[in-house]
C-alpha cells in the first residue's frame, strides 16, 4: 500500500466509516459488539471512550480504516493497552491492518503503555490471528466457546499479548 496518513478520527469521518463498522459487527464473525448498535453508540464506543481513535487514509484522502487505542484495565493494569482495528472492504488484503497495528504500537509507546493485549481474537479469524502473530503477538490464553459466530456457532477466542517496552 502506498503512503498512509493517520489522523484523529472526526465525527464526520466516523459517519463515512459507519457502513464499514456496521457491516463488520452485523456479520458477527470478528467483533463482540451488539450487531444492532446505533451509529451514536458506535461513535461513543469507537471514538469517545478510547484514549485515541485514528482514521487511516490513502494519499488521495480515501478512508481505508480506523483503529482505537485505550487502556486495557484501570489502576495497576493501566500500563497495558488494547486496540481494535477495522478496514474498509476495498482496502482489505492491502496491508492496511498491518500498518494500523504497527502505528498503534508506536502511539502506545508514546503514550506510556508497556504492552498491548487483545482480549478476544476470534479463533476462526485466521487472517487476524496470523497477522497478529507475524507482528509479534503471542497467544497467551484461549477461552473455549467464548464467541457466538453467525455461521460457525460457538468458537474459541484467543487472548493475545505483546510487550512493547521492557518492564
N, C-alpha and C. Protein backbone atom coordinates (compact mmCIF):
# COMPACT_ATOMS: atom_id res chain seq x y z
N UNK A 1 0.86 -1.18 0.00
CA UNK A 1 0.00 0.00 0.00
C UNK A 1 0.89 1.24 0.00
N UNK A 2 0.51 2.24 -0.74
CA UNK A 2 1.29 3.47 -0.78
C UNK A 2 1.23 4.16 0.58
N UNK A 3 1.73 5.33 0.64
CA UNK A 3 1.82 6.07 1.89
C UNK A 3 0.44 6.27 2.54
N UNK A 4 0.36 5.87 3.79
CA UNK A 4 -0.90 6.03 4.54
C UNK A 4 -0.79 7.23 5.46
N UNK A 5 -1.93 7.88 5.65
CA UNK A 5 -1.98 9.04 6.53
C UNK A 5 -2.88 8.71 7.71
N UNK A 6 -2.37 9.00 8.91
CA UNK A 6 -3.07 8.73 10.16
C UNK A 6 -3.42 10.05 10.82
N UNK A 7 -4.68 10.19 11.24
CA UNK A 7 -5.09 11.39 11.96
C UNK A 7 -6.24 11.03 12.89
N UNK A 8 -6.41 11.81 13.97
CA UNK A 8 -7.53 11.52 14.86
C UNK A 8 -8.86 11.54 14.10
N UNK A 9 -9.68 10.52 14.35
CA UNK A 9 -10.95 10.39 13.63
C UNK A 9 -11.95 11.42 14.11
N UNK A 10 -12.55 12.12 13.17
CA UNK A 10 -13.57 13.11 13.47
C UNK A 10 -14.96 12.47 13.39
N UNK A 11 -15.95 13.17 13.88
CA UNK A 11 -17.33 12.68 13.79
C UNK A 11 -17.75 12.54 12.32
N UNK A 12 -17.32 13.48 11.48
CA UNK A 12 -17.64 13.40 10.05
C UNK A 12 -17.02 12.17 9.42
N UNK A 13 -15.77 11.87 9.76
CA UNK A 13 -15.11 10.69 9.23
C UNK A 13 -15.78 9.41 9.74
N UNK A 14 -16.19 9.42 11.01
CA UNK A 14 -16.86 8.23 11.52
C UNK A 14 -18.18 8.00 10.77
N UNK A 15 -18.88 9.07 10.44
CA UNK A 15 -20.12 8.93 9.67
C UNK A 15 -19.84 8.26 8.31
N UNK A 16 -18.71 8.58 7.69
CA UNK A 16 -18.32 7.93 6.44
C UNK A 16 -17.91 6.48 6.68
N UNK A 17 -17.33 6.21 7.84
CA UNK A 17 -16.85 4.88 8.20
C UNK A 17 -17.99 3.98 8.70
N UNK A 18 -19.10 4.58 9.12
CA UNK A 18 -20.21 3.85 9.72
C UNK A 18 -20.66 2.62 8.91
N UNK A 19 -20.83 2.69 7.59
CA UNK A 19 -21.25 1.48 6.86
C UNK A 19 -20.27 0.31 7.04
N UNK A 20 -18.98 0.59 7.08
CA UNK A 20 -17.99 -0.47 7.31
C UNK A 20 -18.14 -1.02 8.71
N UNK A 21 -18.20 -0.15 9.69
CA UNK A 21 -18.36 -0.56 11.09
C UNK A 21 -19.61 -1.43 11.24
N UNK A 22 -20.71 -0.92 10.72
CA UNK A 22 -22.00 -1.62 10.83
C UNK A 22 -21.95 -3.00 10.18
N UNK A 23 -21.36 -3.09 9.01
CA UNK A 23 -21.27 -4.37 8.30
C UNK A 23 -20.41 -5.37 9.07
N UNK A 24 -19.32 -4.90 9.64
CA UNK A 24 -18.42 -5.80 10.39
C UNK A 24 -19.12 -6.35 11.62
N UNK A 25 -19.77 -5.49 12.39
CA UNK A 25 -20.41 -6.01 13.61
C UNK A 25 -21.67 -6.82 13.28
N UNK A 26 -22.37 -6.46 12.21
CA UNK A 26 -23.57 -7.21 11.82
C UNK A 26 -23.21 -8.62 11.35
N UNK A 27 -22.03 -8.78 10.78
CA UNK A 27 -21.61 -10.10 10.29
C UNK A 27 -21.41 -11.10 11.43
N UNK A 28 -21.14 -10.62 12.61
CA UNK A 28 -20.93 -11.45 13.81
C UNK A 28 -19.89 -12.54 13.56
N UNK A 29 -18.76 -12.11 13.02
CA UNK A 29 -17.65 -13.03 12.75
C UNK A 29 -16.38 -12.65 13.48
N UNK A 30 -16.25 -11.37 13.89
CA UNK A 30 -14.98 -10.92 14.45
C UNK A 30 -15.09 -10.05 15.70
N UNK A 31 -16.13 -9.30 15.86
CA UNK A 31 -16.24 -8.36 16.98
C UNK A 31 -17.41 -8.71 17.90
N UNK A 32 -17.15 -8.66 19.19
CA UNK A 32 -18.18 -8.89 20.20
C UNK A 32 -18.86 -7.55 20.53
N UNK A 33 -19.49 -7.00 19.51
CA UNK A 33 -20.24 -5.74 19.64
C UNK A 33 -21.66 -6.05 19.20
N UNK A 34 -22.63 -5.52 19.92
CA UNK A 34 -24.03 -5.74 19.60
C UNK A 34 -24.27 -5.40 18.12
N UNK A 35 -24.76 -6.35 17.33
CA UNK A 35 -24.97 -6.08 15.90
C UNK A 35 -26.04 -5.03 15.63
N UNK A 36 -26.81 -4.68 16.64
CA UNK A 36 -27.86 -3.67 16.48
C UNK A 36 -27.44 -2.33 17.07
N UNK A 37 -26.16 -2.14 17.31
CA UNK A 37 -25.65 -0.89 17.88
C UNK A 37 -26.03 0.28 16.97
N UNK A 38 -26.40 1.39 17.58
CA UNK A 38 -26.73 2.58 16.78
C UNK A 38 -25.44 3.30 16.39
N UNK A 39 -25.55 4.17 15.41
CA UNK A 39 -24.38 4.94 14.97
C UNK A 39 -23.85 5.79 16.12
N UNK A 40 -24.74 6.38 16.90
CA UNK A 40 -24.32 7.22 18.02
C UNK A 40 -23.60 6.39 19.08
N UNK A 41 -24.11 5.22 19.40
CA UNK A 41 -23.46 4.34 20.37
C UNK A 41 -22.10 3.86 19.84
N UNK A 42 -22.05 3.55 18.56
CA UNK A 42 -20.80 3.10 17.95
C UNK A 42 -19.75 4.21 17.97
N UNK A 43 -20.16 5.43 17.69
CA UNK A 43 -19.24 6.56 17.73
C UNK A 43 -18.68 6.73 19.14
N UNK A 44 -19.53 6.64 20.14
CA UNK A 44 -19.08 6.76 21.53
C UNK A 44 -18.09 5.64 21.87
N UNK A 45 -18.43 4.43 21.48
CA UNK A 45 -17.59 3.27 21.77
C UNK A 45 -16.23 3.37 21.07
N UNK A 46 -16.21 3.74 19.82
CA UNK A 46 -15.01 3.71 19.00
C UNK A 46 -14.18 4.99 19.10
N UNK A 47 -14.86 6.13 19.29
CA UNK A 47 -14.16 7.42 19.18
C UNK A 47 -14.11 8.24 20.47
N UNK A 48 -15.05 8.05 21.36
CA UNK A 48 -15.08 8.90 22.55
C UNK A 48 -14.53 8.22 23.80
N UNK A 49 -14.76 6.93 23.97
CA UNK A 49 -14.29 6.22 25.15
C UNK A 49 -12.78 5.98 25.12
N UNK A 50 -12.19 5.59 24.01
CA UNK A 50 -10.74 5.31 23.98
C UNK A 50 -9.89 6.57 24.17
N UNK A 51 -8.60 6.35 24.46
CA UNK A 51 -7.63 7.46 24.50
C UNK A 51 -7.51 8.12 23.14
N UNK A 52 -7.60 7.28 22.10
CA UNK A 52 -7.31 7.73 20.75
C UNK A 52 -8.10 6.89 19.76
N UNK A 53 -8.62 7.53 18.74
CA UNK A 53 -9.24 6.83 17.62
C UNK A 53 -8.69 7.47 16.36
N UNK A 54 -8.12 6.64 15.49
CA UNK A 54 -7.45 7.16 14.31
C UNK A 54 -8.17 6.78 13.03
N UNK A 55 -8.19 7.72 12.11
CA UNK A 55 -8.66 7.48 10.75
C UNK A 55 -7.41 7.23 9.90
N UNK A 56 -7.51 6.27 8.99
CA UNK A 56 -6.39 5.93 8.12
C UNK A 56 -6.84 6.15 6.68
N UNK A 57 -6.08 6.97 5.98
CA UNK A 57 -6.44 7.35 4.61
C UNK A 57 -5.27 7.12 3.67
N UNK A 58 -5.61 6.97 2.39
CA UNK A 58 -4.56 6.89 1.38
C UNK A 58 -4.17 8.30 0.96
N UNK A 59 -3.26 8.39 -0.01
CA UNK A 59 -2.75 9.69 -0.45
C UNK A 59 -3.82 10.59 -1.05
N UNK A 60 -4.90 9.98 -1.55
CA UNK A 60 -6.00 10.76 -2.12
C UNK A 60 -7.02 11.17 -1.07
N UNK A 61 -6.83 10.76 0.17
CA UNK A 61 -7.76 11.12 1.24
C UNK A 61 -8.91 10.15 1.41
N UNK A 62 -8.84 8.99 0.75
CA UNK A 62 -9.90 7.98 0.88
C UNK A 62 -9.73 7.25 2.20
N UNK A 63 -10.80 7.18 2.97
CA UNK A 63 -10.78 6.50 4.26
C UNK A 63 -10.68 4.99 4.04
N UNK A 64 -9.63 4.37 4.60
CA UNK A 64 -9.38 2.95 4.40
C UNK A 64 -9.62 2.11 5.65
N UNK A 65 -9.59 2.76 6.81
CA UNK A 65 -9.76 2.01 8.04
C UNK A 65 -9.66 2.92 9.24
N UNK A 66 -9.76 2.28 10.39
CA UNK A 66 -9.70 3.02 11.65
C UNK A 66 -9.25 2.09 12.76
N UNK A 67 -8.62 2.67 13.76
CA UNK A 67 -8.31 1.91 14.96
C UNK A 67 -8.51 2.79 16.19
N UNK A 68 -8.72 2.13 17.32
CA UNK A 68 -8.76 2.84 18.59
C UNK A 68 -7.66 2.29 19.49
N UNK A 69 -7.26 3.10 20.46
CA UNK A 69 -6.25 2.74 21.44
C UNK A 69 -6.77 3.16 22.80
N UNK A 70 -6.77 2.24 23.75
CA UNK A 70 -7.24 2.55 25.10
C UNK A 70 -6.50 1.68 26.11
N UNK A 71 -6.57 2.06 27.36
CA UNK A 71 -6.03 1.21 28.42
C UNK A 71 -6.88 -0.05 28.49
N UNK A 72 -6.24 -1.18 28.69
CA UNK A 72 -6.96 -2.44 28.79
C UNK A 72 -7.65 -2.58 30.14
N UNK A 73 -7.07 -1.97 31.16
CA UNK A 73 -7.62 -2.02 32.51
C UNK A 73 -7.29 -0.70 33.21
N UNK A 74 -7.79 -0.53 34.39
CA UNK A 74 -7.56 0.70 35.15
C UNK A 74 -6.51 0.46 36.23
N UNK A 75 -6.13 1.54 36.88
CA UNK A 75 -5.23 1.46 38.03
C UNK A 75 -3.95 0.71 37.73
N UNK A 76 -3.66 -0.34 38.51
CA UNK A 76 -2.40 -1.07 38.35
C UNK A 76 -2.26 -1.78 37.01
N UNK A 77 -3.33 -1.87 36.23
CA UNK A 77 -3.27 -2.51 34.92
C UNK A 77 -3.26 -1.54 33.77
N UNK A 78 -3.20 -0.25 34.06
CA UNK A 78 -3.34 0.74 33.00
C UNK A 78 -2.11 0.89 32.10
N UNK A 79 -1.05 0.18 32.39
CA UNK A 79 0.15 0.24 31.53
C UNK A 79 0.04 -0.70 30.32
N UNK A 80 -1.01 -1.51 30.27
CA UNK A 80 -1.26 -2.40 29.14
C UNK A 80 -2.42 -1.82 28.34
N UNK A 81 -2.23 -1.67 27.05
CA UNK A 81 -3.28 -1.10 26.21
C UNK A 81 -4.01 -2.17 25.42
N UNK A 82 -5.09 -1.75 24.80
CA UNK A 82 -5.92 -2.59 23.96
C UNK A 82 -6.25 -1.77 22.73
N UNK A 83 -6.35 -2.44 21.60
CA UNK A 83 -6.70 -1.77 20.34
C UNK A 83 -7.74 -2.58 19.60
N UNK A 84 -8.47 -1.92 18.74
CA UNK A 84 -9.37 -2.56 17.80
C UNK A 84 -9.12 -1.94 16.44
N UNK A 85 -9.24 -2.76 15.40
CA UNK A 85 -8.94 -2.32 14.03
C UNK A 85 -10.07 -2.74 13.11
N UNK A 86 -10.45 -1.85 12.21
CA UNK A 86 -11.41 -2.18 11.15
C UNK A 86 -10.91 -1.58 9.85
N UNK A 87 -11.06 -2.36 8.78
CA UNK A 87 -10.60 -1.95 7.45
C UNK A 87 -11.80 -1.98 6.51
N UNK A 88 -11.88 -1.00 5.63
CA UNK A 88 -12.97 -0.96 4.66
C UNK A 88 -12.82 -2.13 3.68
N UNK A 89 -13.92 -2.56 3.07
CA UNK A 89 -13.84 -3.71 2.15
C UNK A 89 -12.83 -3.51 1.02
N UNK A 90 -12.76 -2.30 0.45
CA UNK A 90 -11.86 -2.07 -0.68
C UNK A 90 -10.39 -2.06 -0.28
N UNK A 91 -10.10 -1.94 1.02
CA UNK A 91 -8.71 -1.88 1.48
C UNK A 91 -8.21 -3.22 2.04
N UNK A 92 -9.07 -4.21 2.16
CA UNK A 92 -8.67 -5.50 2.75
C UNK A 92 -7.62 -6.19 1.88
N UNK A 93 -6.68 -6.82 2.56
CA UNK A 93 -5.63 -7.56 1.88
C UNK A 93 -4.54 -6.69 1.28
N UNK A 94 -4.50 -5.42 1.64
CA UNK A 94 -3.53 -4.49 1.06
C UNK A 94 -2.54 -3.94 2.09
N UNK A 95 -2.49 -4.56 3.28
CA UNK A 95 -1.53 -4.14 4.28
C UNK A 95 -2.00 -3.05 5.22
N UNK A 96 -3.25 -2.65 5.12
CA UNK A 96 -3.75 -1.56 5.95
C UNK A 96 -3.82 -1.98 7.42
N UNK A 97 -4.32 -3.17 7.71
CA UNK A 97 -4.42 -3.63 9.10
C UNK A 97 -3.03 -3.74 9.71
N UNK A 98 -2.09 -4.26 8.96
CA UNK A 98 -0.71 -4.37 9.44
C UNK A 98 -0.15 -2.98 9.77
N UNK A 99 -0.34 -2.04 8.86
CA UNK A 99 0.15 -0.67 9.08
C UNK A 99 -0.54 -0.03 10.29
N UNK A 100 -1.83 -0.28 10.45
CA UNK A 100 -2.53 0.27 11.61
C UNK A 100 -1.98 -0.32 12.91
N UNK A 101 -1.74 -1.62 12.92
CA UNK A 101 -1.23 -2.26 14.12
C UNK A 101 0.16 -1.71 14.47
N UNK A 102 1.01 -1.57 13.47
CA UNK A 102 2.35 -1.02 13.72
C UNK A 102 2.26 0.42 14.21
N UNK A 103 1.39 1.22 13.60
CA UNK A 103 1.22 2.62 14.01
C UNK A 103 0.68 2.68 15.44
N UNK A 104 -0.29 1.83 15.75
CA UNK A 104 -0.88 1.84 17.10
C UNK A 104 0.15 1.46 18.16
N UNK A 105 1.08 0.57 17.83
CA UNK A 105 2.12 0.21 18.78
C UNK A 105 3.04 1.41 19.06
N UNK A 106 3.37 2.16 18.02
CA UNK A 106 4.19 3.37 18.20
C UNK A 106 3.45 4.38 19.06
N UNK A 107 2.17 4.58 18.77
CA UNK A 107 1.35 5.51 19.56
C UNK A 107 1.27 5.06 21.01
N UNK A 108 1.12 3.76 21.21
CA UNK A 108 1.02 3.22 22.56
C UNK A 108 2.28 3.51 23.36
N UNK A 109 3.43 3.30 22.76
CA UNK A 109 4.69 3.58 23.45
C UNK A 109 4.79 5.07 23.76
N UNK A 110 4.41 5.91 22.80
CA UNK A 110 4.43 7.36 23.01
C UNK A 110 3.55 7.75 24.20
N UNK A 111 2.43 7.06 24.36
CA UNK A 111 1.51 7.38 25.45
C UNK A 111 1.88 6.68 26.76
N UNK A 112 2.98 5.95 26.78
CA UNK A 112 3.46 5.35 28.01
C UNK A 112 3.03 3.93 28.28
N UNK A 113 2.37 3.29 27.33
CA UNK A 113 1.97 1.90 27.53
C UNK A 113 3.19 0.99 27.39
N UNK A 114 3.21 -0.08 28.17
CA UNK A 114 4.33 -1.03 28.17
C UNK A 114 4.03 -2.28 27.37
N UNK A 115 2.75 -2.56 27.12
CA UNK A 115 2.36 -3.78 26.41
C UNK A 115 1.01 -3.56 25.75
N UNK A 116 0.68 -4.45 24.81
CA UNK A 116 -0.61 -4.42 24.14
C UNK A 116 -1.23 -5.80 24.27
N UNK A 117 -2.51 -5.81 24.55
CA UNK A 117 -3.25 -7.07 24.71
C UNK A 117 -4.54 -7.01 23.92
N UNK A 118 -4.80 -8.06 23.17
CA UNK A 118 -6.08 -8.23 22.51
C UNK A 118 -6.85 -9.26 23.33
N UNK A 119 -8.00 -8.89 23.82
CA UNK A 119 -8.74 -9.72 24.78
C UNK A 119 -9.52 -10.86 24.16
N UNK A 120 -9.97 -10.70 22.95
CA UNK A 120 -10.87 -11.71 22.38
C UNK A 120 -10.74 -11.77 20.86
N UNK A 121 -9.62 -12.31 20.39
CA UNK A 121 -9.44 -12.50 18.96
C UNK A 121 -10.15 -13.81 18.61
N UNK A 122 -11.15 -13.72 17.77
CA UNK A 122 -11.94 -14.89 17.41
C UNK A 122 -11.03 -15.90 16.70
N UNK A 123 -10.95 -17.10 17.25
CA UNK A 123 -10.00 -18.11 16.76
C UNK A 123 -10.24 -18.47 15.30
N UNK A 124 -11.47 -18.40 14.84
CA UNK A 124 -11.77 -18.73 13.44
C UNK A 124 -11.36 -17.61 12.48
N UNK A 125 -10.97 -16.47 13.00
CA UNK A 125 -10.50 -15.36 12.18
C UNK A 125 -9.00 -15.57 11.92
N UNK A 126 -8.70 -16.56 11.08
CA UNK A 126 -7.32 -16.98 10.84
C UNK A 126 -6.45 -15.87 10.26
N UNK A 127 -7.04 -14.99 9.47
CA UNK A 127 -6.26 -13.89 8.89
C UNK A 127 -5.74 -12.99 10.00
N UNK A 128 -6.62 -12.59 10.94
CA UNK A 128 -6.19 -11.72 12.04
C UNK A 128 -5.22 -12.42 12.97
N UNK A 129 -5.52 -13.65 13.35
CA UNK A 129 -4.63 -14.39 14.25
C UNK A 129 -3.23 -14.49 13.63
N UNK A 130 -3.16 -14.85 12.36
CA UNK A 130 -1.87 -14.95 11.68
C UNK A 130 -1.15 -13.62 11.58
N UNK A 131 -1.88 -12.56 11.28
CA UNK A 131 -1.27 -11.24 11.17
C UNK A 131 -0.70 -10.81 12.51
N UNK A 132 -1.49 -10.95 13.57
CA UNK A 132 -1.01 -10.52 14.89
C UNK A 132 0.22 -11.34 15.29
N UNK A 133 0.23 -12.62 14.97
CA UNK A 133 1.40 -13.44 15.29
C UNK A 133 2.63 -12.97 14.49
N UNK A 134 2.45 -12.66 13.21
CA UNK A 134 3.57 -12.16 12.40
C UNK A 134 4.11 -10.84 12.95
N UNK A 135 3.24 -10.06 13.61
CA UNK A 135 3.65 -8.78 14.18
C UNK A 135 4.15 -8.92 15.62
N UNK A 136 4.35 -10.15 16.06
CA UNK A 136 4.98 -10.38 17.36
C UNK A 136 4.07 -10.67 18.53
N UNK A 137 2.78 -10.79 18.30
CA UNK A 137 1.85 -11.12 19.38
C UNK A 137 1.83 -12.62 19.62
N UNK A 138 1.69 -13.00 20.87
CA UNK A 138 1.60 -14.41 21.23
C UNK A 138 0.20 -14.71 21.76
N UNK A 139 -0.27 -15.90 21.49
CA UNK A 139 -1.50 -16.37 22.13
C UNK A 139 -1.10 -16.78 23.54
N UNK A 140 -1.63 -16.08 24.53
CA UNK A 140 -1.30 -16.38 25.93
C UNK A 140 -2.43 -17.10 26.64
N UNK A 141 -3.55 -17.23 25.96
CA UNK A 141 -4.68 -17.96 26.53
C UNK A 141 -5.76 -18.14 25.49
N UNK A 142 -6.57 -19.15 25.71
CA UNK A 142 -7.71 -19.42 24.83
C UNK A 142 -8.94 -19.63 25.71
N UNK A 143 -10.01 -18.96 25.36
CA UNK A 143 -11.27 -19.09 26.09
C UNK A 143 -12.21 -19.93 25.23
N UNK A 144 -12.55 -21.12 25.70
CA UNK A 144 -13.39 -22.01 24.89
C UNK A 144 -14.79 -21.45 24.67
N UNK A 145 -15.26 -21.56 23.45
CA UNK A 145 -16.64 -21.22 23.10
C UNK A 145 -17.07 -19.83 23.57
N UNK A 146 -16.17 -18.87 23.54
CA UNK A 146 -16.45 -17.54 24.08
C UNK A 146 -17.14 -16.60 23.09
N UNK A 147 -17.26 -17.02 21.84
CA UNK A 147 -17.84 -16.14 20.82
C UNK A 147 -18.88 -16.93 20.03
N UNK A 148 -20.04 -16.31 19.86
CA UNK A 148 -21.09 -16.96 19.08
C UNK A 148 -21.03 -16.42 17.65
N UNK A 149 -20.36 -17.15 16.81
CA UNK A 149 -20.15 -16.80 15.41
C UNK A 149 -21.45 -17.01 14.64
N UNK A 150 -21.75 -16.13 13.71
CA UNK A 150 -23.01 -16.18 12.97
C UNK A 150 -23.21 -17.49 12.21
N UNK A 151 -22.15 -18.04 11.64
CA UNK A 151 -22.32 -19.26 10.85
C UNK A 151 -21.65 -20.49 11.46
N UNK A 152 -20.67 -20.31 12.32
CA UNK A 152 -19.94 -21.43 12.89
C UNK A 152 -20.43 -21.85 14.28
N UNK A 153 -21.31 -21.04 14.85
CA UNK A 153 -21.75 -21.33 16.22
C UNK A 153 -20.70 -20.87 17.21
N UNK A 154 -20.62 -21.56 18.34
CA UNK A 154 -19.68 -21.15 19.38
C UNK A 154 -18.25 -21.52 18.98
N UNK A 155 -17.37 -20.52 19.02
CA UNK A 155 -15.96 -20.72 18.71
C UNK A 155 -15.11 -20.11 19.82
N UNK A 156 -13.86 -20.55 19.89
CA UNK A 156 -12.94 -20.05 20.90
C UNK A 156 -12.49 -18.63 20.57
N UNK A 157 -12.00 -17.95 21.60
CA UNK A 157 -11.31 -16.68 21.41
C UNK A 157 -9.93 -16.80 22.03
N UNK A 158 -9.01 -16.03 21.48
CA UNK A 158 -7.64 -16.01 22.00
C UNK A 158 -7.38 -14.68 22.68
N UNK A 159 -6.62 -14.74 23.76
CA UNK A 159 -6.02 -13.56 24.36
C UNK A 159 -4.62 -13.49 23.77
N UNK A 160 -4.31 -12.36 23.15
CA UNK A 160 -3.01 -12.20 22.50
C UNK A 160 -2.28 -11.02 23.13
N UNK A 161 -0.96 -11.14 23.26
CA UNK A 161 -0.18 -10.18 24.03
C UNK A 161 1.16 -9.92 23.37
N UNK A 162 1.63 -8.67 23.52
CA UNK A 162 2.97 -8.30 23.07
C UNK A 162 3.52 -7.23 23.99
N UNK A 163 4.72 -7.46 24.52
CA UNK A 163 5.42 -6.42 25.27
C UNK A 163 5.91 -5.37 24.28
N UNK A 164 5.71 -4.10 24.62
CA UNK A 164 6.13 -3.01 23.74
C UNK A 164 7.45 -2.39 24.20
N UNK A 165 7.68 -2.43 25.50
CA UNK A 165 8.91 -1.91 26.09
C UNK A 165 9.30 -2.85 27.23
N UNK A 166 10.57 -2.83 27.61
CA UNK A 166 10.97 -3.65 28.76
C UNK A 166 10.23 -3.19 30.03
N UNK A 167 9.87 -4.13 30.85
CA UNK A 167 9.16 -3.79 32.11
C UNK A 167 10.15 -3.61 33.23
